[in-house]
Amino acid sequence: MDEYESVWERFVRERRLEFGGHMDPSWQEGHKLSASLMVPGETSWFHERLEPLREALRPFSFVSLHPDHFMHITLMLLGFLVDEPAEKGEVSRERLREIEESARIALSDFPAFGVRLANLNAFPGAAFIEAHDGGMFDRLRDTLSVSCALKKPPGPPHLTIAYFQAPDGTRAPEGLISTIARYRDWPVGEIMVENVEMSLLDLRSDYPEPEKLARIPLRKPVS
């Protein structure tokens, strides 16, 4: 069984929701800005394939759908940006510059790769589209983790389409399970991962436009 199927079977078995995403006050802990390394979703290429999924999820009151400009694949959460880090999970601008420099060196020899986006799935806090890439995202995260001294996140890569915003432990309704199940085999589109972006997210807004701090290119294939 692959990792995505394991995630789905666990969601169906446990039927548990939680307050997911950056809007969760217990995750923010009063911070205003969050930095990450990510890959943009480029949803303009497959907007029409996303709409049926959005329409299917829209009737559920606890679902918060992502607008196109917010769609992305997170590689690494870097931390909450502060002037002087004093707690775990906080990061300074100086540290972000160090990460950028290390990532540029490491990724200069990491090949660009294609990703097939398909199939609706769910974690307790979010509905997402699977990213099938032959293991390249895992390799990319390994490279960033080693070169930038970052902790590699758990779980498979994914393109989040919506947050679930319900009190932790809320039982997922049968209607949500059956809705997602209808789209478990749903091709969305393909993207080329040619760059990694360092982005800053304003946690005071529901769906802010991510502020791009740096764009780090991968090695282009030899033509």
Protein backbone atom coordinates (compact mmCIF):
# COMPACT_ATOMS: atom_id res chain seq x y z
CA MET A 1 0.00 0.00 0.00
CA ASP A 2 1.41 3.42 -0.95
CA GLU A 3 1.58 6.35 1.45
CA TYR A 4 -1.42 8.18 -0.03
CA GLU A 5 -3.65 5.13 0.29
CA SER A 6 -2.52 4.77 3.91
CA VAL A 7 -3.48 8.39 4.59
CA TRP A 8 -6.92 7.84 3.07
CA GLU A 9 -7.57 4.59 4.94
CA ARG A 10 -6.59 6.23 8.21
CA PHE A 11 -8.93 9.17 7.56
CA VAL A 12 -11.83 6.82 6.79
CA ARG A 13 -11.05 4.66 9.82
CA GLU A 14 -10.66 7.47 12.35
CA ARG A 15 -13.21 9.91 10.83
CA ARG A 16 -11.67 12.75 12.78
CA LEU A 17 -11.51 16.45 11.90
CA GLU A 18 -9.40 19.23 13.35
CA PHE A 19 -8.85 22.96 12.87
CA GLY A 20 -6.29 22.90 10.07
CA GLY A 21 -4.05 25.46 8.47
CA HIS A 22 -2.39 28.75 9.23
CA MET A 23 -5.55 30.33 10.64
CA ASP A 24 -5.49 28.07 13.70
CA PRO A 25 -4.89 30.39 16.71
CA SER A 26 -3.28 27.58 18.70
CA TRP A 27 -0.68 27.13 15.94
CA GLN A 28 0.00 30.83 15.42
CA GLU A 29 0.54 31.49 19.13
CA GLY A 30 0.36 35.22 18.49
CA HIS A 31 2.87 35.32 15.63
CA LYS A 32 2.19 37.47 12.56
CA LEU A 33 4.44 36.06 9.82
CA SER A 34 5.39 32.53 8.78
CA ALA A 35 8.21 31.64 6.36
CA SER A 36 8.38 28.50 4.21
CA LEU A 37 9.95 26.88 1.18
CA MET A 38 7.28 25.93 -1.33
CA VAL A 39 6.37 25.21 -4.95
CA PRO A 40 3.54 27.31 -6.46
CA GLY A 41 0.49 25.39 -7.63
CA GLU A 42 0.21 27.12 -11.05
CA THR A 43 -3.55 26.43 -10.93
CA SER A 44 -4.31 28.49 -14.04
CA TRP A 45 -3.20 25.46 -16.05
CA PHE A 46 -5.85 23.17 -14.60
CA HIS A 47 -8.49 25.44 -13.07
CA GLU A 48 -11.34 23.59 -14.79
CA ARG A 49 -10.26 20.29 -13.23
CA LEU A 50 -10.27 21.85 -9.76
CA GLU A 51 -13.77 23.31 -9.94
CA PRO A 52 -15.70 20.01 -9.59
CA LEU A 53 -13.70 19.26 -6.45
CA ARG A 54 -14.39 22.69 -5.00
CA GLU A 55 -18.09 22.43 -5.80
CA ALA A 56 -18.29 19.04 -4.13
CA LEU A 57 -16.64 20.35 -0.93
CA ARG A 58 -18.37 23.73 -0.83
CA PRO A 59 -21.62 22.60 0.91
CA PHE A 60 -19.78 21.58 4.10
CA SER A 61 -19.84 24.46 6.59
CA PHE A 62 -16.45 23.55 8.11
CA VAL A 63 -14.63 23.57 4.75
CA SER A 64 -12.52 26.64 3.87
CA LEU A 65 -11.63 26.47 0.16
CA HIS A 66 -8.28 27.79 -1.06
CA PRO A 67 -8.40 30.47 -3.79
CA ASP A 68 -6.17 29.93 -6.81
CA HIS A 69 -3.47 32.34 -5.64
CA PHE A 70 -3.01 30.39 -2.41
CA MET A 71 -2.51 26.94 -3.92
CA HIS A 72 0.99 25.58 -3.33
CA ILE A 73 2.99 22.52 -2.28
CA THR A 74 4.83 23.17 0.97
CA LEU A 75 8.33 21.71 1.16
CA MET A 76 9.54 23.04 4.51
CA LEU A 77 8.09 25.29 7.20
CA LEU A 78 11.00 27.54 8.21
CA GLY A 79 9.45 29.24 11.22
CA PHE A 80 7.73 32.36 12.48
CA LEU A 81 9.64 35.46 11.40
CA VAL A 82 10.67 37.70 14.32
CA ASP A 83 13.41 40.27 14.89
CA GLU A 84 15.08 38.31 17.66
CA PRO A 85 14.17 34.60 17.90
CA ALA A 86 13.69 33.51 21.48
CA GLU A 87 11.51 30.41 21.16
CA LYS A 88 11.53 27.18 19.19
CA GLY A 89 9.93 27.70 15.80
CA GLU A 90 11.04 31.31 15.42
CA VAL A 91 13.45 32.50 12.72
CA SER A 92 15.27 35.73 11.90
CA ARG A 93 15.78 37.37 8.51
CA GLU A 94 19.49 36.62 8.84
CA ARG A 95 18.73 32.92 9.23
CA LEU A 96 16.43 33.06 6.18
CA ARG A 97 19.28 34.53 4.14
CA GLU A 98 21.55 31.70 5.31
CA ILE A 99 18.94 29.14 4.27
CA GLU A 100 18.55 30.80 0.87
CA GLU A 101 22.30 30.77 0.22
CA SER A 102 22.64 27.11 1.21
CA ALA A 103 19.59 26.13 -0.84
CA ARG A 104 20.91 27.90 -3.95
CA ILE A 105 24.13 25.94 -3.80
CA ALA A 106 22.44 22.60 -3.11
CA LEU A 107 19.67 22.98 -5.70
CA SER A 108 21.93 24.23 -8.49
CA ASP A 109 22.59 20.57 -9.28
CA PHE A 110 19.13 19.21 -8.43
CA PRO A 111 17.22 18.39 -11.63
CA ALA A 112 13.87 19.95 -12.52
CA PHE A 113 11.11 17.32 -12.55
CA GLY A 114 7.51 16.73 -13.50
CA VAL A 115 4.62 16.09 -11.10
CA ARG A 116 1.26 14.53 -11.85
CA LEU A 117 -1.47 16.00 -9.65
CA ALA A 118 -4.39 13.63 -9.19
CA ASN A 119 -6.88 12.19 -6.70
CA LEU A 120 -8.65 13.91 -3.80
CA ASN A 121 -7.53 12.81 -0.34
CA ALA A 122 -7.70 14.12 3.23
CA PHE A 123 -5.87 14.65 6.49
CA PRO A 124 -7.87 15.53 9.61
CA GLY A 125 -7.17 19.22 8.95
CA ALA A 126 -7.31 19.48 5.15
CA ALA A 127 -8.49 18.10 1.83
CA PHE A 128 -5.70 17.80 -0.71
CA ILE A 129 -4.67 16.59 -4.15
CA GLU A 130 -1.93 13.97 -4.31
CA ALA A 131 1.40 14.82 -5.95
CA HIS A 132 2.78 11.83 -7.87
CA ASP A 133 6.41 12.42 -8.74
CA GLY A 134 8.34 9.16 -8.54
CA GLY A 135 9.87 10.17 -5.23
CA MET A 136 11.41 13.45 -6.40
CA PHE A 137 9.76 15.62 -3.75
CA ASP A 138 11.10 13.29 -1.09
CA ARG A 139 14.61 13.65 -2.56
CA LEU A 140 14.18 17.42 -2.75
CA ARG A 141 13.18 17.60 0.90
CA ASP A 142 16.13 15.40 1.84
CA THR A 143 18.50 17.73 -0.02
CA LEU A 144 17.08 20.85 1.63
CA SER A 145 17.07 19.21 5.04
CA VAL A 146 20.74 18.26 4.88
CA SER A 147 22.08 21.37 3.13
CA CYS A 148 20.10 23.91 5.18
CA ALA A 149 20.07 22.09 8.55
CA LEU A 150 16.27 21.84 8.52
CA LYS A 151 13.97 19.19 9.93
CA LYS A 152 12.31 17.17 7.20
CA PRO A 153 8.51 17.24 7.62
CA PRO A 154 6.50 14.01 7.86
CA GLY A 155 3.85 12.91 5.38
CA PRO A 156 3.62 12.82 1.58
CA PRO A 157 3.79 15.95 -0.62
CA HIS A 158 0.40 17.40 -1.48
CA LEU A 159 -1.48 20.34 -2.98
CA THR A 160 -3.98 21.48 -0.36
CA ILE A 161 -7.35 22.50 -1.80
CA ALA A 162 -9.17 23.31 1.46
CA TYR A 163 -8.74 23.47 5.21
CA PHE A 164 -11.13 21.76 7.60
CA GLN A 165 -11.93 24.18 10.39
CA ALA A 166 -13.72 22.24 13.09
CA PRO A 167 -12.90 21.74 16.76
CA ASP A 168 -10.21 19.08 17.12
CA GLY A 169 -11.75 15.65 17.41
CA THR A 170 -14.99 16.49 15.57
CA ARG A 171 -16.33 13.42 13.80
CA ALA A 172 -16.13 13.65 10.00
CA PRO A 173 -19.65 13.24 8.57
CA GLU A 174 -20.41 10.35 6.27
CA GLY A 175 -21.26 12.84 3.53
CA LEU A 176 -17.69 14.16 3.52
CA ILE A 177 -16.23 10.65 3.32
CA SER A 178 -18.46 9.70 0.39
CA THR A 179 -17.81 13.03 -1.38
CA ILE A 180 -14.04 12.61 -1.25
CA ALA A 181 -14.36 8.94 -2.21
CA ARG A 182 -16.08 9.94 -5.48
CA TYR A 183 -12.95 11.84 -6.50
CA ARG A 184 -10.30 9.39 -5.31
CA ASP A 185 -9.45 8.70 -8.96
CA TRP A 186 -9.54 12.18 -10.48
CA PRO A 187 -6.72 13.48 -12.73
CA VAL A 188 -6.08 17.19 -12.25
CA GLY A 189 -3.01 18.08 -14.32
CA GLU A 190 0.76 18.12 -14.53
CA ILE A 191 3.31 20.72 -13.49
CA MET A 192 7.05 21.10 -13.90
CA VAL A 193 8.97 21.89 -10.73
CA GLU A 194 11.73 24.20 -11.96
CA ASN A 195 12.04 26.51 -8.97
CA VAL A 196 11.62 26.56 -5.20
CA GLU A 197 10.28 29.73 -3.62
CA MET A 198 10.95 31.11 -0.17
CA SER A 199 7.69 32.77 0.83
CA LEU A 200 6.31 34.77 3.70
CA LEU A 201 2.71 34.39 4.82
CA ASP A 202 0.82 37.10 6.72
CA LEU A 203 -1.07 35.16 9.39
CA ARG A 204 -3.39 38.07 10.08
CA SER A 205 -5.27 37.45 6.80
CA ASP A 206 -7.33 34.42 5.85
CA TYR A 207 -5.85 33.91 2.38
CA PRO A 208 -3.09 36.46 1.75
CA GLU A 209 -1.01 36.55 -1.38
CA PRO A 210 2.24 34.85 -0.30
CA GLU A 211 5.15 37.32 -0.36
CA LYS A 212 8.00 35.87 -2.41
CA LEU A 213 11.32 36.46 -0.66
CA ALA A 214 13.46 34.41 -3.05
CA ARG A 215 13.18 32.24 -6.15
CA ILE A 216 15.70 29.40 -6.26
CA PRO A 217 16.08 27.61 -9.62
CA LEU A 218 16.66 23.89 -10.07
CA ARG A 219 19.01 22.53 -12.71
CA LYS A 220 17.30 22.50 -16.09
CA PRO A 221 17.54 19.31 -18.13
CA VAL A 222 20.07 19.30 -20.95
CA SER A 223 18.20 19.66 -24.26
